[in-house]
Amino acid sequence: MPDPSPTKPIVWTIASSDSGGGAGIQADLHTFSALECHGCSVITAVTAQNSCQVIGYEAVSPALLCAQLNCLLEDMPPQAIKIGLIPEPELLQLLADWLRQHKAAYQFTVIADPVLSSSSGYDFISQSSLSIWRRQLMPLLDLITPNLPELALLSGLPQASEQQQADQLLAAGAKSVLIKGGHSDIRQFVCDTLRTAARPDIILSHNRLPTQNNHGTGCVLSSAIAASAAHNYTLIDSVIIARAYLQQALSLSYTTGKGAGCLQHNSWPENPLYFPHLSEPLQARQEAQAFAAMVSPIGLYPVVDSVQWLLSLLPCQPDVIQLRLKQGDAKDIEQQIKQAINLSRDYGLRLFINDHWELAIKHGAYGVHLGQEDLLQADLAAIASAGLRLGISTHSYTELLIARQLKPSYIALGHVFATQTKQMPSKPQGLTKLKRYAALCRDIPTVAIGGIGLQQIKDVAACGVDGIAVVSAITAQHKPQQAYNDLLQQWSSYHAYNS
């Protein structure tokens, strides 16, 4: 029986039509398609515009707007909704009422790009509309993406700081605010700030591209966030993906008429040059020098929890192993680490010590592997100065970008499949996400980890990673040495066939 047809996440855009084709509904649908979603459109108005100006619009009737919403919901409910230009307060109120009625039941994510005026100066906002945005819509939004003029207008605090203005929107009920910095006076960089009540601000910075072909940037950014959220990425990851997609589209933009040209919609972003630099507490505290390289490929990478397991695998002549000690007092742990490092020298083994970086430095290990939480406590400069390699665990685009900025020796991508080895804070990433993460790291070795066994090796290897880390695929097997050899043979045969 053939496999069922693949499905795509459904994303709606509730916005106006741009007769020039660069913004509005047209840009949203291009973005959804490029990011592998099925886009549906709810038209709120038809505009008459070209690359230079907007000369007018005609809104749809409330009855037609309601009919579009209900017709789609009956058959094609969305994973995410992007809200764009809604020029009439009556339509805004209708949408707020509709969202309030259906959002909790259908659990879709709502991203709003508050288009209050056109870049050519056409004004779409009224005091009635502002009141509905502030009082009715704001509590229904998972994210709102205002530029600086829109932020000042929506907050009603034109003289306040951007952070205070964003806090006003949060106080009105929005779960998060992405402050877009394109209108700032900084010429070299564009800095967007993601502000929520739950965590410190994240600043995403990009080089400002020297192009006038920037029509529809706000539409594309917000629709890319919605599309990424529909793929079950976290909000922070969705913003990162969208910002990379926008930078890619801007770098490939093209001229249309006499005014601002259009963005080039392409595909899922993979080039590291398109991704933002993240300002996080870790980066503010320390920027490590580049760590020593791995020199040779990683390949099969067992992770064991005792020296006894290390000894049992030595007859298989492994090339690289990680020792992850979680039990025992300080003296016992140091003794095991010292013994393991001495064994690694005798057998030419590249041994990574999980977490215990000070002991790894003291006894001269080949490398250290750290999780995201451990990065905040570790002295990365000391690890690099000692000549140790560094591996970092990641589980998202956010963590991946943080890891890349630290220039480690390799990055672990996980967890790919469900695993019983340790309690995980996130859901399994799966092969599609693994492939996207690996594509972003073509310039640095990557290791896939989490629930990988003999049957999954070829599919994981096809995602483009440089190694596979395994735990229970060896340690939970009746014949561990045979399991190791079988895994190695499967990995090697895949690369021999595809070389």
Protein backbone atom coordinates (compact mmCIF):
# COMPACT_ATOMS: atom_id res chain seq x y z
CA MET A 1 0.00 0.00 0.00
CA PRO A 2 1.54 3.37 -0.97
CA ASP A 3 2.47 5.89 1.69
CA PRO A 4 -0.13 8.59 2.30
CA SER A 5 0.41 11.84 0.45
CA PRO A 6 2.66 14.28 2.31
CA THR A 7 1.00 17.27 3.92
CA LYS A 8 2.13 20.85 4.39
CA PRO A 9 1.33 23.12 7.32
CA ILE A 10 -1.55 25.47 6.52
CA VAL A 11 -0.91 29.17 7.11
CA TRP A 12 -3.37 31.99 6.54
CA THR A 13 -2.66 35.57 5.62
CA ILE A 14 -5.39 38.06 6.55
CA ALA A 15 -4.30 41.13 4.65
CA SER A 16 -4.79 43.30 1.58
CA SER A 17 -3.89 42.75 -2.04
CA ASP A 18 -0.93 44.67 -3.51
CA SER A 19 -1.50 45.34 -7.21
CA GLY A 20 2.26 45.90 -7.56
CA GLY A 21 2.94 42.34 -6.39
CA GLY A 22 5.70 43.13 -3.89
CA ALA A 23 3.87 43.26 -0.57
CA GLY A 24 0.57 42.26 1.02
CA ILE A 25 -1.16 39.02 0.13
CA GLN A 26 1.13 38.43 -2.85
CA ALA A 27 4.33 38.60 -0.80
CA ASP A 28 2.83 36.49 1.97
CA LEU A 29 1.85 33.66 -0.34
CA HIS A 30 5.27 33.65 -2.02
CA THR A 31 6.86 33.40 1.43
CA PHE A 32 4.59 30.56 2.57
CA SER A 33 5.37 28.59 -0.57
CA ALA A 34 9.14 29.09 -0.30
CA LEU A 35 9.05 27.92 3.33
CA GLU A 36 7.12 24.78 2.41
CA CYS A 37 3.69 25.75 3.72
CA HIS A 38 0.31 25.87 2.04
CA GLY A 39 -0.89 29.46 2.08
CA CYS A 40 -4.52 30.54 2.28
CA SER A 41 -5.63 34.15 1.84
CA VAL A 42 -8.36 36.18 3.50
CA ILE A 43 -8.59 39.45 1.57
CA THR A 44 -9.43 42.56 3.59
CA ALA A 45 -8.96 45.16 0.86
CA VAL A 46 -7.79 45.68 -2.70
CA THR A 47 -5.21 48.43 -3.12
CA ALA A 48 -4.23 50.40 -6.19
CA GLN A 49 -0.46 50.77 -5.95
CA ASN A 50 2.76 50.41 -7.87
CA SER A 51 6.42 50.55 -6.91
CA CYS A 52 6.20 54.29 -6.20
CA GLN A 53 2.91 54.93 -4.43
CA VAL A 54 -0.46 53.83 -3.13
CA ILE A 55 -3.26 55.84 -4.72
CA GLY A 56 -6.25 54.18 -3.07
CA TYR A 57 -7.97 51.10 -1.77
CA GLU A 58 -11.38 49.51 -1.44
CA ALA A 59 -12.16 47.36 1.59
CA VAL A 60 -14.23 44.19 1.43
CA SER A 61 -17.55 44.11 3.24
CA PRO A 62 -17.71 42.71 6.78
CA ALA A 63 -19.97 39.94 5.48
CA LEU A 64 -17.39 38.88 2.88
CA LEU A 65 -14.54 38.96 5.41
CA CYS A 66 -16.55 36.79 7.79
CA ALA A 67 -17.49 34.40 4.99
CA GLN A 68 -13.82 33.94 4.03
CA LEU A 69 -12.79 33.24 7.61
CA ASN A 70 -15.54 30.74 8.33
CA CYS A 71 -15.31 28.97 4.99
CA LEU A 72 -11.58 28.33 5.44
CA LEU A 73 -11.91 27.33 9.08
CA GLU A 74 -14.48 24.68 8.21
CA ASP A 75 -12.12 22.80 5.89
CA MET A 76 -8.57 24.18 6.19
CA PRO A 77 -7.88 25.35 9.76
CA PRO A 78 -4.49 27.03 10.14
CA GLN A 79 -1.48 26.23 12.25
CA ALA A 80 -0.61 29.92 12.12
CA ILE A 81 -2.16 33.20 10.98
CA LYS A 82 -0.39 36.31 9.77
CA ILE A 83 -2.32 39.60 10.03
CA GLY A 84 -1.37 42.43 7.70
CA LEU A 85 -3.15 45.53 6.41
CA ILE A 86 -6.75 45.84 7.64
CA PRO A 87 -7.67 49.42 6.75
CA GLU A 88 -11.15 49.76 8.28
CA PRO A 89 -11.98 49.71 12.01
CA GLU A 90 -15.17 47.71 11.40
CA LEU A 91 -13.10 44.91 9.84
CA LEU A 92 -10.55 45.08 12.66
CA GLN A 93 -13.31 44.69 15.24
CA LEU A 94 -14.84 41.78 13.34
CA LEU A 95 -11.44 40.05 13.19
CA ALA A 96 -10.82 40.60 16.90
CA ASP A 97 -14.20 39.07 17.74
CA TRP A 98 -13.57 36.13 15.40
CA LEU A 99 -10.12 35.42 16.85
CA ARG A 100 -11.47 35.61 20.39
CA GLN A 101 -14.12 33.06 19.47
CA HIS A 102 -11.84 30.52 17.76
CA LYS A 103 -8.20 30.92 18.87
CA ALA A 104 -8.36 28.82 22.03
CA ALA A 105 -10.25 25.96 20.36
CA TYR A 106 -7.98 25.74 17.29
CA GLN A 107 -4.73 26.78 19.02
CA PHE A 108 -3.26 28.62 16.05
CA THR A 109 -0.40 31.06 16.42
CA VAL A 110 -1.20 34.68 15.54
CA ILE A 111 1.51 36.99 14.16
CA ALA A 112 0.55 40.60 13.45
CA ASP A 113 2.35 43.09 11.21
CA PRO A 114 0.55 46.35 12.04
CA VAL A 115 0.57 48.12 8.67
CA LEU A 116 -0.51 51.63 9.66
CA SER A 117 0.83 53.47 6.61
CA SER A 118 2.63 52.75 3.36
CA SER A 119 6.32 53.52 2.82
CA SER A 120 5.21 56.21 0.35
CA GLY A 121 3.19 57.92 3.09
CA TYR A 122 -0.38 56.71 2.52
CA ASP A 123 -2.15 56.63 5.91
CA PHE A 124 -4.39 53.67 6.82
CA ILE A 125 -4.93 54.35 10.51
CA SER A 126 -7.62 56.15 12.52
CA GLN A 127 -8.16 56.70 16.24
CA SER A 128 -10.87 54.03 16.16
CA SER A 129 -8.47 51.53 14.60
CA LEU A 130 -5.76 52.37 17.13
CA SER A 131 -8.19 51.75 19.98
CA ILE A 132 -9.13 48.33 18.57
CA TRP A 133 -5.47 47.39 18.11
CA ARG A 134 -4.67 48.36 21.68
CA ARG A 135 -7.74 47.01 23.48
CA GLN A 136 -9.13 44.21 21.33
CA LEU A 137 -6.41 42.68 19.17
CA MET A 138 -3.33 42.96 21.39
CA PRO A 139 -4.41 40.24 23.90
CA LEU A 140 -4.91 37.81 21.01
CA LEU A 141 -1.42 38.18 19.53
CA ASP A 142 1.45 35.78 20.07
CA LEU A 143 3.76 38.29 18.40
CA ILE A 144 3.46 41.78 16.97
CA THR A 145 6.18 43.13 14.65
CA PRO A 146 6.04 46.95 14.56
CA ASN A 147 8.70 49.17 13.01
CA LEU A 148 9.81 52.15 15.09
CA PRO A 149 7.10 54.61 13.92
CA GLU A 150 4.39 51.96 14.35
CA LEU A 151 5.69 51.09 17.81
CA ALA A 152 5.52 54.72 18.92
CA LEU A 153 2.01 55.12 17.52
CA LEU A 154 0.59 51.88 18.94
CA SER A 155 2.08 52.43 22.38
CA GLY A 156 0.82 56.00 22.63
CA LEU A 157 4.20 56.91 24.18
CA PRO A 158 6.06 58.76 21.40
CA GLN A 159 8.66 60.25 23.76
CA ALA A 160 9.42 57.02 25.63
CA SER A 161 12.24 54.58 24.89
CA GLU A 162 11.67 51.69 22.50
CA GLN A 163 11.77 49.27 25.44
CA GLN A 164 9.12 51.26 27.32
CA GLN A 165 6.96 51.41 24.20
CA ALA A 166 7.26 47.64 23.74
CA ASP A 167 6.42 47.10 27.40
CA GLN A 168 3.23 49.06 26.83
CA LEU A 169 2.20 46.57 24.13
CA LEU A 170 3.04 43.68 26.44
CA ALA A 171 0.97 45.27 29.18
CA ALA A 172 -1.91 45.53 26.69
CA GLY A 173 -1.79 41.75 26.27
CA ALA A 174 0.62 40.90 23.44
CA LYS A 175 2.75 37.88 24.38
CA SER A 176 5.84 39.25 22.62
CA VAL A 177 7.03 42.18 20.55
CA LEU A 178 9.62 42.20 17.78
CA ILE A 179 10.93 45.75 17.51
CA LYS A 180 12.14 46.13 13.92
CA GLY A 181 15.16 48.38 13.61
CA GLY A 182 15.10 49.13 9.91
CA HIS A 183 14.11 52.76 10.54
CA SER A 184 16.94 53.41 13.00
CA ASP A 185 19.79 55.80 12.27
CA ILE A 186 22.41 53.05 12.43
CA ARG A 187 23.72 52.81 8.88
CA GLN A 188 25.91 49.72 9.07
CA PHE A 189 23.61 47.37 10.96
CA VAL A 190 19.95 46.55 11.38
CA CYS A 191 19.14 45.42 14.91
CA ASP A 192 15.78 43.84 15.73
CA THR A 193 14.86 43.22 19.37
CA LEU A 194 12.61 40.40 20.53
CA ARG A 195 11.05 41.44 23.83
CA THR A 196 8.89 39.26 26.05
CA ALA A 197 7.97 39.34 29.70
CA ALA A 198 9.41 35.86 30.28
CA ARG A 199 13.08 36.30 29.39
CA PRO A 200 15.79 38.87 28.63
CA ASP A 201 15.71 40.65 25.29
CA ILE A 202 17.30 38.94 22.31
CA ILE A 203 18.90 41.29 19.79
CA LEU A 204 19.25 40.01 16.23
CA SER A 205 21.71 42.04 14.19
CA HIS A 206 22.49 42.00 10.47
CA ASN A 207 24.62 43.99 8.11
CA ARG A 208 22.42 46.56 6.41
CA LEU A 209 22.30 45.68 2.71
CA PRO A 210 22.81 48.55 0.23
CA THR A 211 19.65 48.02 -1.81
CA GLN A 212 16.58 50.09 -2.64
CA ASN A 213 14.70 46.93 -3.60
CA ASN A 214 13.03 46.57 -0.23
CA HIS A 215 9.30 46.75 -0.95
CA GLY A 216 7.36 44.40 1.34
CA THR A 217 10.06 43.64 3.92
CA GLY A 218 7.62 43.85 6.84
CA CYS A 219 5.12 41.58 5.10
CA VAL A 220 7.78 39.01 4.27
CA LEU A 221 9.29 39.00 7.75
CA SER A 222 5.98 38.48 9.55
CA SER A 223 4.73 35.86 7.10
CA ALA A 224 8.05 33.98 7.38
CA ILE A 225 7.65 33.97 11.18
CA ALA A 226 4.15 32.54 10.79
CA ALA A 227 5.34 29.89 8.34
CA SER A 228 8.17 28.82 10.65
CA ALA A 229 5.81 28.67 13.64
CA ALA A 230 3.53 26.42 11.57
CA HIS A 231 6.50 24.03 11.24
CA ASN A 232 6.51 23.81 15.06
CA TYR A 233 9.58 25.92 15.65
CA THR A 234 9.61 27.96 18.83
CA LEU A 235 8.85 31.66 18.56
CA ILE A 236 12.52 32.60 18.97
CA ASP A 237 13.58 30.09 16.31
CA SER A 238 10.77 31.30 14.02
CA VAL A 239 12.05 34.87 14.26
CA ILE A 240 15.61 33.69 13.51
CA ILE A 241 14.49 31.71 10.46
CA ALA A 242 12.37 34.60 9.22
CA ARG A 243 15.18 37.11 9.66
CA ALA A 244 17.52 34.84 7.68
CA TYR A 245 14.87 34.37 4.99
CA LEU A 246 14.43 38.14 4.72
CA GLN A 247 18.17 38.75 4.48
CA GLN A 248 18.40 36.13 1.74
CA ALA A 249 15.48 37.68 -0.14
CA LEU A 250 16.98 41.18 0.17
CA SER A 251 20.38 40.02 -1.07
CA LEU A 252 18.71 38.61 -4.21
CA SER A 253 16.19 41.46 -4.66
CA TYR A 254 15.49 43.00 -8.06
CA THR A 255 14.14 46.14 -9.68
CA THR A 256 10.56 46.32 -10.95
CA GLY A 257 9.28 49.83 -11.68
CA LYS A 258 10.67 53.29 -10.95
CA GLY A 259 10.42 52.94 -7.16
CA ALA A 260 11.44 50.35 -4.59
CA GLY A 261 11.98 46.92 -6.13
CA CYS A 262 10.89 43.52 -4.85
CA LEU A 263 12.40 40.75 -2.77
CA GLN A 264 13.41 37.49 -4.42
CA HIS A 265 11.63 34.57 -2.77
CA ASN A 266 13.87 31.55 -2.86
CA SER A 267 13.92 28.64 -0.40
CA TRP A 268 14.65 27.68 3.17
CA PRO A 269 17.72 29.73 4.27
CA GLU A 270 20.91 27.72 4.78
CA ASN A 271 23.83 30.10 4.23
CA PRO A 272 25.30 31.25 7.58
CA LEU A 273 25.81 34.72 6.07
CA TYR A 274 22.04 35.23 6.06
CA PHE A 275 21.54 34.39 9.72
CA PRO A 276 21.60 37.06 12.42
CA HIS A 277 24.15 37.53 15.14
CA LEU A 278 22.48 36.96 18.51
CA SER A 279 23.26 39.07 21.52
CA GLU A 280 22.80 36.84 24.56
CA PRO A 281 24.16 37.05 28.12
CA LEU A 282 26.78 34.44 27.24
CA GLN A 283 28.14 36.44 24.32
CA ALA A 284 28.11 39.62 26.39
CA ARG A 285 30.26 37.91 28.99
CA GLN A 286 32.81 36.12 26.86
CA GLU A 287 33.69 35.59 23.22
CA ALA A 288 35.97 32.56 23.05
CA GLN A 289 38.79 32.26 20.56
CA ALA A 290 38.42 29.60 17.89
CA PHE A 291 38.94 26.13 19.31
CA ALA A 292 41.32 23.53 17.91
CA ALA A 293 39.99 21.62 14.91
CA MET A 294 39.01 17.95 14.89
CA VAL A 295 41.58 17.26 12.12
CA SER A 296 40.00 13.96 11.00
CA PRO A 297 36.28 13.10 10.56
CA ILE A 298 34.26 12.18 13.64
CA GLY A 299 32.29 9.18 12.34
CA LEU A 300 30.91 6.82 14.99
CA TYR A 301 30.96 8.53 18.39
CA PRO A 302 30.03 6.34 21.40
CA VAL A 303 29.00 8.08 24.64
CA VAL A 304 29.70 6.00 27.78
CA ASP A 305 29.17 6.61 31.49
CA SER A 306 32.10 4.73 33.06
CA VAL A 307 35.71 3.70 32.57
CA GLN A 308 34.49 0.09 32.52
CA TRP A 309 32.50 0.81 29.37
CA LEU A 310 35.52 2.52 27.86
CA LEU A 311 37.67 -0.56 28.57
CA SER A 312 35.08 -2.86 27.02
CA LEU A 313 35.11 -0.92 23.75
CA LEU A 314 38.88 -0.51 23.41
CA PRO A 315 39.28 -3.87 21.56
CA CYS A 316 37.09 -2.37 18.80
CA GLN A 317 39.73 0.35 18.32
CA PRO A 318 37.36 3.32 18.47
CA ASP A 319 38.66 6.64 17.22
CA VAL A 320 36.58 8.99 19.39
CA ILE A 321 34.56 8.50 22.59
CA GLN A 322 32.83 10.76 25.08
CA LEU A 323 32.95 9.98 28.81
CA ARG A 324 29.81 11.26 30.53
CA LEU A 325 30.11 10.82 34.31
CA LYS A 326 27.02 11.80 36.31
CA GLN A 327 27.43 9.59 39.41
CA GLY A 328 30.05 9.51 42.18
CA ASP A 329 31.81 11.93 44.50
CA ALA A 330 34.43 14.43 43.34
CA LYS A 331 37.37 12.18 44.15
CA ASP A 332 35.92 9.17 42.32
CA ILE A 333 35.03 11.27 39.25
CA GLU A 334 38.54 12.71 39.04
CA GLN A 335 40.08 9.28 39.37
CA GLN A 336 37.92 7.90 36.54
CA ILE A 337 38.68 10.88 34.31
CA LYS A 338 42.44 10.57 34.96
CA GLN A 339 42.35 6.83 34.21
CA ALA A 340 40.30 7.35 31.05
CA ILE A 341 42.64 10.04 29.74
CA ASN A 342 45.68 7.83 30.35
CA LEU A 343 43.97 5.00 28.46
CA SER A 344 43.11 7.33 25.60
CA ARG A 345 46.78 8.23 25.18
CA ASP A 346 47.83 4.57 25.19
CA TYR A 347 45.27 3.66 22.51
CA GLY A 348 45.40 6.81 20.36
CA LEU A 349 41.81 7.61 21.25
CA ARG A 350 40.26 11.08 20.98
CA LEU A 351 38.54 11.31 24.34
CA PHE A 352 36.03 14.03 25.19
CA ILE A 353 35.06 14.67 28.80
CA ASN A 354 31.47 15.72 29.34
CA ASP A 355 30.95 18.72 31.62
CA HIS A 356 34.03 18.40 33.87
CA TRP A 357 36.14 20.92 31.95
CA GLU A 358 38.52 21.77 34.79
CA LEU A 359 39.51 18.12 35.21
CA ALA A 360 39.81 17.74 31.45
CA ILE A 361 42.28 20.62 31.38
CA LYS A 362 44.15 19.38 34.48
CA HIS A 363 44.74 15.89 33.10
CA GLY A 364 45.12 16.79 29.42
CA ALA A 365 42.05 15.35 27.69
CA TYR A 366 41.62 15.65 23.94
CA GLY A 367 38.45 17.68 24.36
CA VAL A 368 35.45 18.80 26.39
CA HIS A 369 31.76 18.49 25.59
CA LEU A 370 29.37 21.01 27.15
CA GLY A 371 25.62 21.42 27.20
CA GLN A 372 23.95 24.80 26.89
CA GLU A 373 23.62 25.21 30.67
CA ASP A 374 27.27 24.29 31.22
CA LEU A 375 28.44 27.00 28.81
CA LEU A 376 27.45 29.72 31.26
CA GLN A 377 29.68 28.29 34.02
CA ALA A 378 32.66 27.11 31.98
CA ASP A 379 35.78 29.20 31.32
CA LEU A 380 35.82 28.85 27.54
CA ALA A 381 38.98 30.92 27.15
CA ALA A 382 40.83 28.56 29.52
CA ILE A 383 39.62 25.52 27.57
CA ALA A 384 40.77 27.05 24.28
CA SER A 385 44.12 28.20 25.70
CA ALA A 386 44.81 24.68 26.95
CA GLY A 387 44.44 23.41 23.37
CA LEU A 388 41.40 21.26 24.10
CA ARG A 389 38.71 20.73 21.51
CA LEU A 390 35.17 21.82 22.37
CA GLY A 391 31.88 20.17 21.44
CA ILE A 392 28.57 21.87 22.22
CA SER A 393 25.07 20.37 22.45
CA THR A 394 22.28 22.16 20.58
CA HIS A 395 18.54 21.57 20.21
CA SER A 396 17.32 24.56 18.19
CA TYR A 397 18.33 27.33 15.79
CA THR A 398 18.82 29.63 18.78
CA GLU A 399 21.27 27.29 20.49
CA LEU A 400 22.92 26.51 17.16
CA LEU A 401 23.64 30.18 16.46
CA ILE A 402 24.98 30.67 19.99
CA ALA A 403 27.26 27.66 19.49
CA ARG A 404 28.47 28.87 16.08
CA GLN A 405 29.41 32.24 17.54
CA LEU A 406 31.69 30.46 20.03
CA LYS A 407 33.65 28.74 17.21
CA PRO A 408 33.72 25.22 18.74
CA SER A 409 35.42 22.14 17.29
CA TYR A 410 32.09 20.47 16.56
CA ILE A 411 28.39 20.94 17.24
CA ALA A 412 26.05 18.18 18.39
CA LEU A 413 22.55 18.30 16.86
CA GLY A 414 19.81 16.62 18.80
CA HIS A 415 17.91 14.95 19.94
CA VAL A 416 16.91 13.49 16.59
CA PHE A 417 14.57 10.76 17.80
CA ALA A 418 12.90 9.94 21.11
CA THR A 419 15.45 8.74 23.66
CA GLN A 420 15.29 7.21 27.13
CA THR A 421 18.94 7.96 27.92
CA LYS A 422 18.25 11.29 29.62
CA GLN A 423 15.37 13.65 30.34
CA MET A 424 15.10 16.08 27.41
CA PRO A 425 13.61 19.60 27.64
CA SER A 426 12.53 19.63 24.00
CA LYS A 427 10.71 17.38 21.55
CA PRO A 428 12.60 15.17 19.08
CA GLN A 429 13.87 17.26 16.17
CA GLY A 430 13.35 14.67 13.42
CA LEU A 431 15.19 14.29 10.14
CA THR A 432 13.84 17.41 8.40
CA LYS A 433 15.10 19.74 11.11
CA LEU A 434 18.36 17.79 11.39
CA LYS A 435 18.99 18.32 7.68
CA ARG A 436 18.35 22.06 8.00
CA TYR A 437 20.65 22.38 11.01
CA ALA A 438 23.41 20.42 9.27
CA ALA A 439 23.10 22.58 6.16
CA LEU A 440 23.75 25.66 8.29
CA CYS A 441 26.97 24.07 9.57
CA ARG A 442 28.75 23.01 6.39
CA ASP A 443 31.79 24.93 7.66
CA ILE A 444 31.95 23.12 11.02
CA PRO A 445 31.74 19.40 11.93
CA THR A 446 28.37 18.20 13.22
CA VAL A 447 27.29 15.15 15.19
CA ALA A 448 23.71 13.85 15.31
CA ILE A 449 22.59 12.45 18.65
CA GLY A 450 19.46 11.05 20.24
CA GLY A 451 17.66 7.75 19.71
CA ILE A 452 19.86 6.69 16.78
CA GLY A 453 20.18 2.95 16.22
CA LEU A 454 21.31 0.63 13.46
CA GLN A 455 18.10 1.10 11.46
CA GLN A 456 18.34 4.91 11.45
CA ILE A 457 22.00 5.38 10.54
CA LYS A 458 21.61 5.70 6.77
CA ASP A 459 18.72 8.17 7.05
CA VAL A 460 20.66 10.25 9.57
CA ALA A 461 23.83 10.15 7.49
CA ALA A 462 21.86 11.34 4.46
CA CYS A 463 21.11 14.58 6.37
CA GLY A 464 24.74 15.62 5.93
CA VAL A 465 26.15 15.24 9.44
CA ASP A 466 29.80 14.31 10.03
CA GLY A 467 29.20 11.85 12.82
CA ILE A 468 26.61 10.01 14.94
CA ALA A 469 26.72 9.85 18.71
CA VAL A 470 25.17 6.74 20.21
CA VAL A 471 24.52 5.58 23.76
CA SER A 472 21.98 2.78 24.20
CA ALA A 473 22.60 1.51 20.65
CA ILE A 474 25.77 0.09 22.22
CA THR A 475 25.39 0.05 26.01
CA ALA A 476 21.89 -1.48 26.02
CA GLN A 477 22.82 -4.31 23.65
CA HIS A 478 23.50 -7.92 24.61
CA LYS A 479 26.79 -7.89 22.66
CA PRO A 480 28.12 -4.30 22.84
CA GLN A 481 31.27 -4.91 20.82
CA GLN A 482 29.28 -6.52 18.02
CA ALA A 483 26.81 -3.64 18.18
CA TYR A 484 29.68 -1.16 17.82
CA ASN A 485 31.08 -3.00 14.81
CA ASP A 486 27.65 -3.24 13.17
CA LEU A 487 27.05 0.50 13.63
CA LEU A 488 30.48 1.34 12.26
CA GLN A 489 29.99 -0.93 9.26
CA GLN A 490 26.62 0.65 8.48
CA TRP A 491 28.06 4.17 8.73
CA SER A 492 31.10 3.26 6.62
CA SER A 493 29.09 1.46 3.95
CA TYR A 494 26.81 4.48 3.51
CA HIS A 495 29.76 6.80 2.94
CA ALA A 496 31.56 4.31 0.70
CA TYR A 497 28.45 4.01 -1.49
CA ASN A 498 27.83 7.76 -1.60
CA SER A 499 31.41 8.95 -1.99
